[in-house]
């Protein structure tokens, strides 16, 4: 998880995307909320960034290698921990819930990241992973144009199927699969704000934002 720039230097622009695409953000939160356990216990978001998701999901701890985003996460009520996903500064089996939101596309070693996550999770803990599904229709557009944005130029997008396989190979059992954001995020503003409920469906392959809930085997 060594990719810190531009996330270190463009945090205002990063946060502004969620403000400008509130419909997509609400849909992503709704999908994540459906995957969380009823009693999350001691929870951490790995690759927490500015804390936008952790704060909304009541995740109290956040790990990130970039200093500037962690400062903003602290202001949002998230306890910041500076570190990388491949070598988590957390003790064995001390976490009940670990969350990744589109971060697996940026880690330098996916196998080490998942091994570390399994190490810090309690035996009955929960892992919730969100990926931008490369195989979805919108994901294919993202893949084609990823070099045109400073945030995704260095990303290695996964398909939801690849993410599930990686989790199973790392010793996790996939329990739930959810998806949302079926259109361009900028087009979701009207349908997912106000009285309308975000469109969250089971399965994978159609929605850009794929969520996987897993547990240690």
C-alpha atoms as a PDB file:
ATOM      1  CA  UNK A   1       0.000   0.000   0.000  1.00  0.00           C
ATOM      2  CA  UNK A   2       2.799   2.359  -0.940  1.00  0.00           C
ATOM      3  CA  UNK A   3       0.791   4.516  -3.355  1.00  0.00           C
ATOM      4  CA  UNK A   4       0.285   7.706  -1.351  1.00  0.00           C
ATOM      5  CA  UNK A   5       0.581  10.441  -3.954  1.00  0.00           C
ATOM      6  CA  UNK A   6      -1.802  11.860  -5.214  1.00  0.00           C
ATOM      7  CA  UNK A   7      -3.847  10.858  -2.150  1.00  0.00           C
ATOM      8  CA  UNK A   8      -1.326  12.700   0.022  1.00  0.00           C
ATOM      9  CA  UNK A   9      -1.416  15.952  -1.935  1.00  0.00           C
ATOM     10  CA  UNK A  10      -4.914  16.147  -3.479  1.00  0.00           C
ATOM     11  CA  UNK A  11      -7.206  15.393  -0.545  1.00  0.00           C
ATOM     12  CA  UNK A  12      -9.529  18.308  -1.280  1.00  0.00           C
ATOM     13  CA  UNK A  13     -10.063  17.061  -4.815  1.00  0.00           C
ATOM     14  CA  UNK A  14     -10.578  13.519  -3.531  1.00  0.00           C
ATOM     15  CA  UNK A  15     -13.250  14.579  -1.043  1.00  0.00           C
ATOM     16  CA  UNK A  16     -14.875  16.882  -3.608  1.00  0.00           C
ATOM     17  CA  UNK A  17     -15.636  13.895  -5.852  1.00  0.00           C
ATOM     18  CA  UNK A  18     -17.941  12.428  -3.203  1.00  0.00           C
ATOM     19  CA  UNK A  19     -19.673  15.757  -2.701  1.00  0.00           C
ATOM     20  CA  UNK A  20     -20.244  16.094  -6.454  1.00  0.00           C
ATOM     21  CA  UNK A  21     -21.400  12.467  -6.807  1.00  0.00           C
ATOM     22  CA  UNK A  22     -23.519  12.130  -3.687  1.00  0.00           C
ATOM     23  CA  UNK A  23     -25.864   9.619  -5.287  1.00  0.00           C
ATOM     24  CA  UNK A  24     -23.021   7.181  -5.951  1.00  0.00           C
ATOM     25  CA  UNK A  25     -21.592   7.746  -2.472  1.00  0.00           C
ATOM     26  CA  UNK A  26     -24.960   7.020  -0.847  1.00  0.00           C
ATOM     27  CA  UNK A  27     -25.292   3.845  -2.902  1.00  0.00           C
ATOM     28  CA  UNK A  28     -21.806   2.700  -1.905  1.00  0.00           C
ATOM     29  CA  UNK A  29     -22.547   3.329   1.762  1.00  0.00           C
ATOM     30  CA  UNK A  30     -25.817   1.418   1.496  1.00  0.00           C
ATOM     31  CA  UNK A  31     -24.071  -1.603  -0.007  1.00  0.00           C
ATOM     32  CA  UNK A  32     -21.375  -1.547   2.674  1.00  0.00           C
ATOM     33  CA  UNK A  33     -23.954  -1.204   5.454  1.00  0.00           C
ATOM     34  CA  UNK A  34     -25.772  -4.299   4.191  1.00  0.00           C
ATOM     35  CA  UNK A  35     -22.525  -6.258   4.440  1.00  0.00           C
ATOM     36  CA  UNK A  36     -21.571  -5.199   7.970  1.00  0.00           C
ATOM     37  CA  UNK A  37     -22.306  -7.428  10.985  1.00  0.00           C
ATOM     38  CA  UNK A  38     -24.924  -6.250  13.470  1.00  0.00           C
ATOM     39  CA  UNK A  39     -22.298  -5.915  16.191  1.00  0.00           C
ATOM     40  CA  UNK A  40     -19.015  -4.957  14.497  1.00  0.00           C
ATOM     41  CA  UNK A  41     -16.977  -4.781  17.706  1.00  0.00           C
ATOM     42  CA  UNK A  42     -13.471  -3.304  17.301  1.00  0.00           C
ATOM     43  CA  UNK A  43     -13.376  -2.186  13.682  1.00  0.00           C
ATOM     44  CA  UNK A  44     -10.696  -0.793  11.371  1.00  0.00           C
ATOM     45  CA  UNK A  45     -10.743   0.533   7.822  1.00  0.00           C
ATOM     46  CA  UNK A  46      -7.483  -0.266   6.054  1.00  0.00           C
ATOM     47  CA  UNK A  47      -6.619   2.437   3.559  1.00  0.00           C
ATOM     48  CA  UNK A  48      -8.950   4.801   5.393  1.00  0.00           C
ATOM     49  CA  UNK A  49      -7.936   7.921   3.466  1.00  0.00           C
ATOM     50  CA  UNK A  50      -9.823  10.965   4.709  1.00  0.00           C
ATOM     51  CA  UNK A  51     -12.182   8.842   6.803  1.00  0.00           C
ATOM     52  CA  UNK A  52     -15.273   9.544   4.747  1.00  0.00           C
ATOM     53  CA  UNK A  53     -16.441   5.921   4.773  1.00  0.00           C
ATOM     54  CA  UNK A  54     -15.145   4.972   8.223  1.00  0.00           C
ATOM     55  CA  UNK A  55     -16.877   7.907   9.888  1.00  0.00           C
ATOM     56  CA  UNK A  56     -20.200   7.169   8.187  1.00  0.00           C
ATOM     57  CA  UNK A  57     -19.976   3.470   9.056  1.00  0.00           C
ATOM     58  CA  UNK A  58     -18.950   4.058  12.705  1.00  0.00           C
ATOM     59  CA  UNK A  59     -15.574   2.391  12.148  1.00  0.00           C
ATOM     60  CA  UNK A  60     -13.393   3.822  14.891  1.00  0.00           C
ATOM     61  CA  UNK A  61      -9.871   3.000  13.618  1.00  0.00           C
ATOM     62  CA  UNK A  62      -8.223   3.863  10.319  1.00  0.00           C
ATOM     63  CA  UNK A  63      -4.889   2.740   8.871  1.00  0.00           C
ATOM     64  CA  UNK A  64      -3.263   4.606   5.994  1.00  0.00           C
ATOM     65  CA  UNK A  65       0.298   5.338   4.812  1.00  0.00           C
ATOM     66  CA  UNK A  66      -0.501   8.958   3.866  1.00  0.00           C
ATOM     67  CA  UNK A  67      -0.263  11.556   6.614  1.00  0.00           C
ATOM     68  CA  UNK A  68      -2.510  14.326   5.238  1.00  0.00           C
ATOM     69  CA  UNK A  69      -5.615  12.170   4.740  1.00  0.00           C
ATOM     70  CA  UNK A  70      -5.203  10.753   8.245  1.00  0.00           C
ATOM     71  CA  UNK A  71      -5.327  14.265   9.672  1.00  0.00           C
ATOM     72  CA  UNK A  72      -8.703  14.769   8.021  1.00  0.00           C
ATOM     73  CA  UNK A  73      -9.874  11.341   9.188  1.00  0.00           C
ATOM     74  CA  UNK A  74      -9.064  12.370  12.748  1.00  0.00           C
ATOM     75  CA  UNK A  75     -11.263  15.446  12.351  1.00  0.00           C
ATOM     76  CA  UNK A  76     -14.075  13.107  11.321  1.00  0.00           C
ATOM     77  CA  UNK A  77     -13.714  11.151  14.556  1.00  0.00           C
ATOM     78  CA  UNK A  78     -11.601   8.261  13.267  1.00  0.00           C
ATOM     79  CA  UNK A  79      -8.528   7.284  15.281  1.00  0.00           C
ATOM     80  CA  UNK A  80      -5.657   7.436  12.768  1.00  0.00           C
ATOM     81  CA  UNK A  81      -2.892   4.820  12.580  1.00  0.00           C
ATOM     82  CA  UNK A  82      -0.107   5.349  10.089  1.00  0.00           C
ATOM     83  CA  UNK A  83       0.935   2.128   8.397  1.00  0.00           C
ATOM     84  CA  UNK A  84       0.648  -0.045   5.321  1.00  0.00           C
ATOM     85  CA  UNK A  85      -1.711  -2.896   4.566  1.00  0.00           C
ATOM     86  CA  UNK A  86       1.124  -5.350   3.969  1.00  0.00           C
ATOM     87  CA  UNK A  87       2.467  -4.864   7.522  1.00  0.00           C
ATOM     88  CA  UNK A  88      -0.357  -3.743   9.779  1.00  0.00           C
ATOM     89  CA  UNK A  89       0.616  -2.064  13.072  1.00  0.00           C
ATOM     90  CA  UNK A  90      -1.994  -4.119  14.926  1.00  0.00           C
ATOM     91  CA  UNK A  91      -1.672  -7.100  17.244  1.00  0.00           C
ATOM     92  CA  UNK A  92      -2.821 -10.615  16.365  1.00  0.00           C
ATOM     93  CA  UNK A  93      -6.568 -11.314  16.573  1.00  0.00           C
ATOM     94  CA  UNK A  94      -7.445  -7.889  18.008  1.00  0.00           C
ATOM     95  CA  UNK A  95      -9.855  -6.761  15.277  1.00  0.00           C
ATOM     96  CA  UNK A  96     -13.461  -7.898  14.900  1.00  0.00           C
ATOM     97  CA  UNK A  97     -14.175  -6.119  11.613  1.00  0.00           C
ATOM     98  CA  UNK A  98     -11.769  -5.068   8.862  1.00  0.00           C
ATOM     99  CA  UNK A  99     -12.948  -2.978   5.913  1.00  0.00           C
ATOM    100  CA  UNK A 100     -11.294  -2.213   2.577  1.00  0.00           C
ATOM    101  CA  UNK A 101     -12.981   0.297   0.266  1.00  0.00           C
ATOM    102  CA  UNK A 102     -11.448   0.086  -3.253  1.00  0.00           C
ATOM    103  CA  UNK A 103      -7.983  -0.136  -1.657  1.00  0.00           C
ATOM    104  CA  UNK A 104      -6.963  -3.567  -2.955  1.00  0.00           C
ATOM    105  CA  UNK A 105      -6.380  -1.946  -6.354  1.00  0.00           C
ATOM    106  CA  UNK A 106      -3.491   0.028  -4.821  1.00  0.00           C
ATOM    107  CA  UNK A 107      -1.667  -2.425  -2.560  1.00  0.00           C
ATOM    108  CA  UNK A 108       1.795  -3.529  -3.633  1.00  0.00           C
ATOM    109  CA  UNK A 109       1.313  -7.121  -2.451  1.00  0.00           C
ATOM    110  CA  UNK A 110      -2.243  -8.451  -2.389  1.00  0.00           C
ATOM    111  CA  UNK A 111      -1.290 -11.821  -0.886  1.00  0.00           C
ATOM    112  CA  UNK A 112       0.619 -10.185   1.988  1.00  0.00           C
ATOM    113  CA  UNK A 113      -2.218  -7.713   2.561  1.00  0.00           C
ATOM    114  CA  UNK A 114      -4.812 -10.452   2.970  1.00  0.00           C
ATOM    115  CA  UNK A 115      -2.473 -12.542   5.116  1.00  0.00           C
ATOM    116  CA  UNK A 116      -1.980  -9.553   7.437  1.00  0.00           C
ATOM    117  CA  UNK A 117      -5.721  -8.952   7.560  1.00  0.00           C
ATOM    118  CA  UNK A 118      -6.331 -12.553   8.531  1.00  0.00           C
ATOM    119  CA  UNK A 119      -3.648 -12.267  11.222  1.00  0.00           C
ATOM    120  CA  UNK A 120      -5.243  -9.283  12.961  1.00  0.00           C
ATOM    121  CA  UNK A 121      -8.834 -10.547  12.678  1.00  0.00           C
ATOM    122  CA  UNK A 122     -10.368 -12.482  15.541  1.00  0.00           C
ATOM    123  CA  UNK A 123     -11.360 -16.070  14.781  1.00  0.00           C
ATOM    124  CA  UNK A 124     -15.021 -15.043  14.455  1.00  0.00           C
ATOM    125  CA  UNK A 125     -14.234 -11.697  12.789  1.00  0.00           C
ATOM    126  CA  UNK A 126     -15.577 -10.263   9.557  1.00  0.00           C
ATOM    127  CA  UNK A 127     -13.851  -8.859   6.492  1.00  0.00           C
ATOM    128  CA  UNK A 128     -15.743  -6.507   4.167  1.00  0.00           C
ATOM    129  CA  UNK A 129     -14.088  -5.652   0.863  1.00  0.00           C
ATOM    130  CA  UNK A 130     -15.325  -3.268  -1.819  1.00  0.00           C
ATOM    131  CA  UNK A 131     -13.759  -3.219  -5.276  1.00  0.00           C
ATOM    132  CA  UNK A 132     -14.433  -1.306  -8.458  1.00  0.00           C
ATOM    133  CA  UNK A 133     -15.447  -4.319 -10.516  1.00  0.00           C
ATOM    134  CA  UNK A 134     -13.395  -4.269 -13.712  1.00  0.00           C
ATOM    135  CA  UNK A 135     -15.769  -6.719 -15.382  1.00  0.00           C
ATOM    136  CA  UNK A 136     -18.891  -4.559 -14.931  1.00  0.00           C
ATOM    137  CA  UNK A 137     -20.036  -2.279 -17.777  1.00  0.00           C
ATOM    138  CA  UNK A 138     -19.044   0.902 -15.918  1.00  0.00           C
ATOM    139  CA  UNK A 139     -15.884  -0.815 -14.679  1.00  0.00           C
ATOM    140  CA  UNK A 140     -14.810  -1.460 -18.245  1.00  0.00           C
ATOM    141  CA  UNK A 141     -15.121   2.265 -18.938  1.00  0.00           C
ATOM    142  CA  UNK A 142     -13.081   3.033 -15.819  1.00  0.00           C
ATOM    143  CA  UNK A 143     -10.406   0.587 -16.950  1.00  0.00           C
ATOM    144  CA  UNK A 144     -10.243   2.117 -20.414  1.00  0.00           C
ATOM    145  CA  UNK A 145      -9.872   5.673 -19.100  1.00  0.00           C
ATOM    146  CA  UNK A 146      -8.022   5.112 -15.822  1.00  0.00           C
ATOM    147  CA  UNK A 147      -4.868   6.874 -17.024  1.00  0.00           C
ATOM    148  CA  UNK A 148      -6.857  10.078 -17.461  1.00  0.00           C
ATOM    149  CA  UNK A 149      -7.351  10.606 -13.709  1.00  0.00           C
ATOM    150  CA  UNK A 150      -4.644  11.191 -11.133  1.00  0.00           C
ATOM    151  CA  UNK A 151      -6.327   8.881  -8.633  1.00  0.00           C
ATOM    152  CA  UNK A 152      -6.632   5.772 -10.813  1.00  0.00           C
ATOM    153  CA  UNK A 153      -3.558   5.994 -13.026  1.00  0.00           C
ATOM    154  CA  UNK A 154      -1.642   3.585 -10.751  1.00  0.00           C
ATOM    155  CA  UNK A 155      -4.626   1.382  -9.895  1.00  0.00           C
ATOM    156  CA  UNK A 156      -4.807  -2.293 -10.836  1.00  0.00           C
ATOM    157  CA  UNK A 157      -8.550  -2.851 -10.967  1.00  0.00           C
ATOM    158  CA  UNK A 158      -9.804  -6.280  -9.935  1.00  0.00           C
ATOM    159  CA  UNK A 159     -12.930  -8.018 -11.054  1.00  0.00           C
ATOM    160  CA  UNK A 160     -15.246  -9.091  -8.258  1.00  0.00           C
ATOM    161  CA  UNK A 161     -14.548 -12.710  -9.192  1.00  0.00           C
ATOM    162  CA  UNK A 162     -10.796 -12.140  -8.885  1.00  0.00           C
ATOM    163  CA  UNK A 163     -11.294 -10.512  -5.496  1.00  0.00           C
ATOM    164  CA  UNK A 164     -13.362 -13.459  -4.243  1.00  0.00           C
ATOM    165  CA  UNK A 165     -10.741 -15.916  -5.484  1.00  0.00           C
ATOM    166  CA  UNK A 166      -7.976 -13.961  -3.742  1.00  0.00           C
ATOM    167  CA  UNK A 167      -9.954 -14.011  -0.495  1.00  0.00           C
ATOM    168  CA  UNK A 168     -10.548 -17.748  -0.701  1.00  0.00           C
ATOM    169  CA  UNK A 169      -6.883 -18.383  -1.491  1.00  0.00           C
ATOM    170  CA  UNK A 170      -5.979 -16.348   1.612  1.00  0.00           C
ATOM    171  CA  UNK A 171      -8.106 -18.548   3.867  1.00  0.00           C
ATOM    172  CA  UNK A 172     -11.414 -16.685   3.896  1.00  0.00           C
ATOM    173  CA  UNK A 173     -14.925 -17.950   3.213  1.00  0.00           C
ATOM    174  CA  UNK A 174     -17.087 -15.627   1.107  1.00  0.00           C
ATOM    175  CA  UNK A 175     -20.439 -15.150   2.839  1.00  0.00           C
ATOM    176  CA  UNK A 176     -22.193 -12.401   0.879  1.00  0.00           C
ATOM    177  CA  UNK A 177     -21.866 -10.609  -2.476  1.00  0.00           C
ATOM    178  CA  UNK A 178     -23.506  -7.274  -3.201  1.00  0.00           C
ATOM    179  CA  UNK A 179     -23.292  -4.673  -5.968  1.00  0.00           C
ATOM    180  CA  UNK A 180     -24.392  -1.139  -6.755  1.00  0.00           C
ATOM    181  CA  UNK A 181     -23.654   1.829  -9.085  1.00  0.00           C
ATOM    182  CA  UNK A 182     -25.040   0.444 -12.333  1.00  0.00           C
ATOM    183  CA  UNK A 183     -24.632   3.667 -14.301  1.00  0.00           C
ATOM    184  CA  UNK A 184     -22.137   6.479 -14.563  1.00  0.00           C
ATOM    185  CA  UNK A 185     -21.780   7.795 -10.960  1.00  0.00           C
ATOM    186  CA  UNK A 186     -22.536  11.340 -12.096  1.00  0.00           C
ATOM    187  CA  UNK A 187     -25.974  10.187 -13.300  1.00  0.00           C
ATOM    188  CA  UNK A 188     -27.056   8.757  -9.939  1.00  0.00           C
ATOM    189  CA  UNK A 189     -27.627  12.061  -8.159  1.00  0.00           C
ATOM    190  CA  UNK A 190     -31.388  12.284  -8.730  1.00  0.00           C
ATOM    191  CA  UNK A 191     -32.274   8.637  -8.126  1.00  0.00           C
ATOM    192  CA  UNK A 192     -30.227   8.031  -4.984  1.00  0.00           C
ATOM    193  CA  UNK A 193     -30.817  11.186  -2.972  1.00  0.00           C
ATOM    194  CA  UNK A 194     -33.864  12.511  -1.205  1.00  0.00           C
ATOM    195  CA  UNK A 195     -36.614   9.953  -0.675  1.00  0.00           C
ATOM    196  CA  UNK A 196     -35.240   7.427  -3.159  1.00  0.00           C
ATOM    197  CA  UNK A 197     -33.384   4.370  -1.879  1.00  0.00           C
ATOM    198  CA  UNK A 198     -30.046   3.366  -3.421  1.00  0.00           C
ATOM    199  CA  UNK A 199     -30.218   0.404  -5.792  1.00  0.00           C
ATOM    200  CA  UNK A 200     -28.273  -2.395  -4.102  1.00  0.00           C
ATOM    201  CA  UNK A 201     -28.541  -5.919  -5.506  1.00  0.00           C
ATOM    202  CA  UNK A 202     -27.092  -9.300  -4.667  1.00  0.00           C
ATOM    203  CA  UNK A 203     -24.413 -10.868  -6.819  1.00  0.00           C
ATOM    204  CA  UNK A 204     -21.695  -9.360  -8.973  1.00  0.00           C
ATOM    205  CA  UNK A 205     -21.004  -8.439 -12.569  1.00  0.00           C
ATOM    206  CA  UNK A 206     -23.425  -5.598 -13.276  1.00  0.00           C
ATOM    207  CA  UNK A 207     -22.525  -2.955 -10.680  1.00  0.00           C
ATOM    208  CA  UNK A 208     -19.306  -0.963 -10.611  1.00  0.00           C
ATOM    209  CA  UNK A 209     -19.100  -1.072  -6.806  1.00  0.00           C
ATOM    210  CA  UNK A 210     -18.888  -4.697  -5.675  1.00  0.00           C
ATOM    211  CA  UNK A 211     -18.942  -5.592  -1.977  1.00  0.00           C
ATOM    212  CA  UNK A 212     -17.816  -8.909  -0.547  1.00  0.00           C
ATOM    213  CA  UNK A 213     -18.345 -10.084   3.016  1.00  0.00           C
ATOM    214  CA  UNK A 214     -16.028 -12.861   4.163  1.00  0.00           C
ATOM    215  CA  UNK A 215     -14.882 -14.587   7.334  1.00  0.00           C
ATOM    216  CA  UNK A 216     -11.764 -16.551   8.321  1.00  0.00           C
ATOM    217  CA  UNK A 217     -12.149 -20.194   7.341  1.00  0.00           C
END
